[in-house]
N, C-alpha and C. Protein backbone atom coordinates (compact mmCIF):
# COMPACT_ATOMS: atom_id res chain seq x y z
N MET A 1 158.68 116.52 104.36
CA MET A 1 158.92 115.82 105.59
C MET A 1 157.79 114.84 105.82
N ARG A 2 158.13 113.62 106.18
CA ARG A 2 157.14 112.59 106.44
C ARG A 2 156.94 112.43 107.93
N PHE A 3 155.70 112.20 108.30
CA PHE A 3 155.37 111.95 109.68
C PHE A 3 154.92 110.50 109.81
N THR A 4 155.31 109.85 110.87
CA THR A 4 154.85 108.49 111.09
C THR A 4 153.59 108.52 111.92
N CYS A 5 152.77 107.56 111.71
CA CYS A 5 151.51 107.47 112.44
C CYS A 5 151.63 106.39 113.50
N THR A 6 151.46 106.76 114.74
CA THR A 6 151.55 105.79 115.83
C THR A 6 150.22 105.68 116.56
N GLN A 7 149.14 105.73 115.83
CA GLN A 7 147.82 105.62 116.42
C GLN A 7 147.54 104.17 116.78
N PRO A 8 146.75 103.93 117.83
CA PRO A 8 146.36 102.56 118.15
C PRO A 8 145.48 102.00 117.04
N LEU A 9 145.47 100.70 116.92
CA LEU A 9 144.70 100.03 115.88
C LEU A 9 143.21 100.14 116.17
N VAL A 10 142.45 100.70 115.25
CA VAL A 10 141.00 100.82 115.39
C VAL A 10 140.35 99.99 114.31
N GLN A 11 139.42 99.12 114.70
CA GLN A 11 138.80 98.25 113.71
C GLN A 11 137.29 98.15 113.83
N VAL A 12 136.73 98.57 114.94
CA VAL A 12 135.29 98.50 115.16
C VAL A 12 134.72 99.90 114.99
N PRO A 13 133.58 100.08 114.33
CA PRO A 13 133.05 101.43 114.09
C PRO A 13 132.86 102.27 115.35
N SER A 14 132.73 101.65 116.51
CA SER A 14 132.55 102.42 117.73
C SER A 14 133.88 102.77 118.42
N ASP A 15 135.01 102.29 117.90
CA ASP A 15 136.32 102.62 118.47
C ASP A 15 136.59 104.11 118.31
N THR A 16 137.21 104.70 119.33
CA THR A 16 137.54 106.11 119.27
C THR A 16 139.05 106.30 119.20
N PHE A 17 139.47 107.41 118.61
CA PHE A 17 140.88 107.76 118.50
C PHE A 17 140.99 109.27 118.39
N HIS A 18 142.19 109.79 118.56
CA HIS A 18 142.41 111.23 118.45
C HIS A 18 142.79 111.56 117.01
N CYS A 19 141.98 112.38 116.38
CA CYS A 19 142.23 112.81 115.01
C CYS A 19 143.13 114.05 115.05
N ARG A 20 144.33 113.94 114.49
CA ARG A 20 145.25 115.07 114.50
C ARG A 20 144.78 116.19 113.59
N ALA A 21 144.19 115.86 112.47
CA ALA A 21 143.75 116.88 111.52
C ALA A 21 142.62 117.74 112.09
N ARG A 22 141.71 117.11 112.81
CA ARG A 22 140.56 117.83 113.37
C ARG A 22 140.74 118.21 114.83
N ARG A 23 141.80 117.68 115.44
CA ARG A 23 142.16 117.98 116.83
C ARG A 23 141.06 117.65 117.83
N LYS A 24 140.48 116.45 117.67
CA LYS A 24 139.47 115.99 118.63
C LYS A 24 139.31 114.49 118.53
N MET A 25 138.60 113.94 119.51
CA MET A 25 138.33 112.51 119.53
C MET A 25 137.19 112.21 118.56
N LEU A 26 137.39 111.18 117.75
CA LEU A 26 136.37 110.76 116.78
C LEU A 26 136.16 109.27 116.87
N THR A 27 134.99 108.82 116.46
CA THR A 27 134.77 107.39 116.30
C THR A 27 135.23 107.00 114.90
N LEU A 28 135.53 105.74 114.74
CA LEU A 28 135.96 105.26 113.43
C LEU A 28 134.85 105.47 112.40
N ASN A 29 133.61 105.26 112.82
CA ASN A 29 132.46 105.45 111.92
C ASN A 29 132.42 106.88 111.39
N ARG A 30 132.58 107.86 112.27
CA ARG A 30 132.55 109.28 111.86
C ARG A 30 133.72 109.60 110.94
N CYS A 31 134.90 109.07 111.27
CA CYS A 31 136.09 109.30 110.45
C CYS A 31 135.89 108.77 109.04
N LEU A 32 135.41 107.54 108.93
CA LEU A 32 135.21 106.95 107.61
C LEU A 32 134.17 107.70 106.80
N ASN A 33 133.06 108.08 107.44
CA ASN A 33 132.02 108.84 106.74
C ASN A 33 132.56 110.17 106.22
N ASP A 34 133.24 110.91 107.08
CA ASP A 34 133.76 112.22 106.69
C ASP A 34 134.85 112.11 105.63
N TYR A 35 135.73 111.11 105.77
CA TYR A 35 136.81 110.91 104.80
C TYR A 35 136.24 110.58 103.42
N LEU A 36 135.32 109.63 103.37
CA LEU A 36 134.75 109.23 102.08
C LEU A 36 133.94 110.34 101.44
N GLU A 37 133.19 111.08 102.23
CA GLU A 37 132.40 112.19 101.69
C GLU A 37 133.30 113.28 101.13
N ALA A 38 134.35 113.64 101.86
CA ALA A 38 135.25 114.71 101.42
C ALA A 38 135.96 114.34 100.13
N ASN A 39 136.34 113.08 100.00
CA ASN A 39 137.07 112.66 98.81
C ASN A 39 136.15 112.34 97.64
N ALA A 40 134.93 111.95 97.91
CA ALA A 40 133.99 111.63 96.83
C ALA A 40 133.54 112.88 96.09
N ILE A 41 133.31 113.97 96.83
CA ILE A 41 132.84 115.19 96.17
C ILE A 41 133.90 116.29 96.16
N ARG A 42 135.16 115.89 96.39
CA ARG A 42 136.31 116.80 96.29
C ARG A 42 136.19 118.06 97.13
N GLN A 43 135.91 117.89 98.41
CA GLN A 43 135.84 119.03 99.33
C GLN A 43 137.27 119.36 99.77
N ARG A 44 137.95 120.15 99.00
CA ARG A 44 139.36 120.45 99.26
C ARG A 44 139.58 121.24 100.55
N ARG A 45 138.59 121.95 101.03
CA ARG A 45 138.74 122.73 102.26
C ARG A 45 138.54 121.88 103.51
N SER A 46 138.06 120.67 103.35
CA SER A 46 137.82 119.79 104.49
C SER A 46 139.13 119.26 105.04
N ALA A 47 139.21 119.12 106.35
CA ALA A 47 140.40 118.53 106.98
C ALA A 47 140.53 117.05 106.62
N CYS A 48 139.45 116.45 106.17
CA CYS A 48 139.45 115.02 105.84
C CYS A 48 139.89 114.74 104.40
N PHE A 49 140.01 115.77 103.58
CA PHE A 49 140.39 115.57 102.19
C PHE A 49 141.84 115.08 102.13
N ARG A 50 142.02 113.89 101.58
CA ARG A 50 143.33 113.24 101.45
C ARG A 50 144.06 113.08 102.79
N CYS A 51 143.30 112.83 103.84
CA CYS A 51 143.86 112.62 105.18
C CYS A 51 144.53 111.24 105.21
N MET A 52 145.79 111.21 105.62
CA MET A 52 146.53 109.95 105.66
C MET A 52 145.97 109.02 106.73
N LEU A 53 145.57 109.56 107.86
CA LEU A 53 145.01 108.73 108.93
C LEU A 53 143.65 108.16 108.51
N GLY A 54 142.83 108.96 107.84
CA GLY A 54 141.55 108.48 107.34
C GLY A 54 141.73 107.37 106.31
N ARG A 55 142.73 107.53 105.45
CA ARG A 55 143.03 106.50 104.45
C ARG A 55 143.48 105.21 105.12
N LYS A 56 144.35 105.35 106.12
CA LYS A 56 144.83 104.16 106.83
C LYS A 56 143.69 103.48 107.57
N ASN A 57 142.83 104.26 108.24
CA ASN A 57 141.69 103.68 108.94
C ASN A 57 140.78 102.93 107.97
N ARG A 58 140.58 103.49 106.81
CA ARG A 58 139.72 102.84 105.80
C ARG A 58 140.33 101.52 105.35
N GLU A 59 141.63 101.51 105.10
CA GLU A 59 142.30 100.30 104.65
C GLU A 59 142.31 99.22 105.73
N VAL A 60 142.54 99.62 106.98
CA VAL A 60 142.54 98.65 108.09
C VAL A 60 141.14 98.08 108.28
N TYR A 61 140.13 98.95 108.24
CA TYR A 61 138.75 98.50 108.42
C TYR A 61 138.31 97.57 107.29
N ALA A 62 138.75 97.86 106.08
CA ALA A 62 138.39 97.03 104.94
C ALA A 62 139.19 95.74 104.88
N GLY A 63 140.30 95.70 105.64
CA GLY A 63 141.12 94.49 105.66
C GLY A 63 142.11 94.42 104.53
N THR A 64 142.39 95.54 103.85
CA THR A 64 143.32 95.52 102.74
C THR A 64 144.74 95.90 103.15
N LEU A 65 144.91 96.44 104.36
CA LEU A 65 146.22 96.83 104.84
C LEU A 65 146.73 95.78 105.80
N GLU A 66 147.90 95.26 105.53
CA GLU A 66 148.47 94.24 106.40
C GLU A 66 149.28 94.92 107.49
N ILE A 67 148.91 94.68 108.72
CA ILE A 67 149.57 95.28 109.86
C ILE A 67 150.63 94.31 110.38
N VAL A 68 151.87 94.81 110.49
CA VAL A 68 152.97 94.01 111.04
C VAL A 68 153.37 94.66 112.34
N GLU A 69 153.20 93.91 113.44
CA GLU A 69 153.55 94.46 114.75
C GLU A 69 154.92 93.93 115.15
N MET A 70 155.75 94.83 115.66
CA MET A 70 157.08 94.47 116.11
C MET A 70 157.02 94.10 117.59
N ASP A 71 157.69 93.03 117.96
CA ASP A 71 157.75 92.64 119.39
C ASP A 71 159.02 93.11 120.01
């Protein structure tokens, strides 16, 4: 089953959002740090390991994900 992500667009490291995997408010900076650390050293027990929201945040922040907004 696939879940859609309807999180607001976060692009500045100080932006905050609700992390569903960790069930708390996080800054984008903290999310990116935890996501990259968990995936770099293969921390499979971490909630950030292969997190879809962390991956999307990383792509949006890096500018590699094209966001299409519907009006």
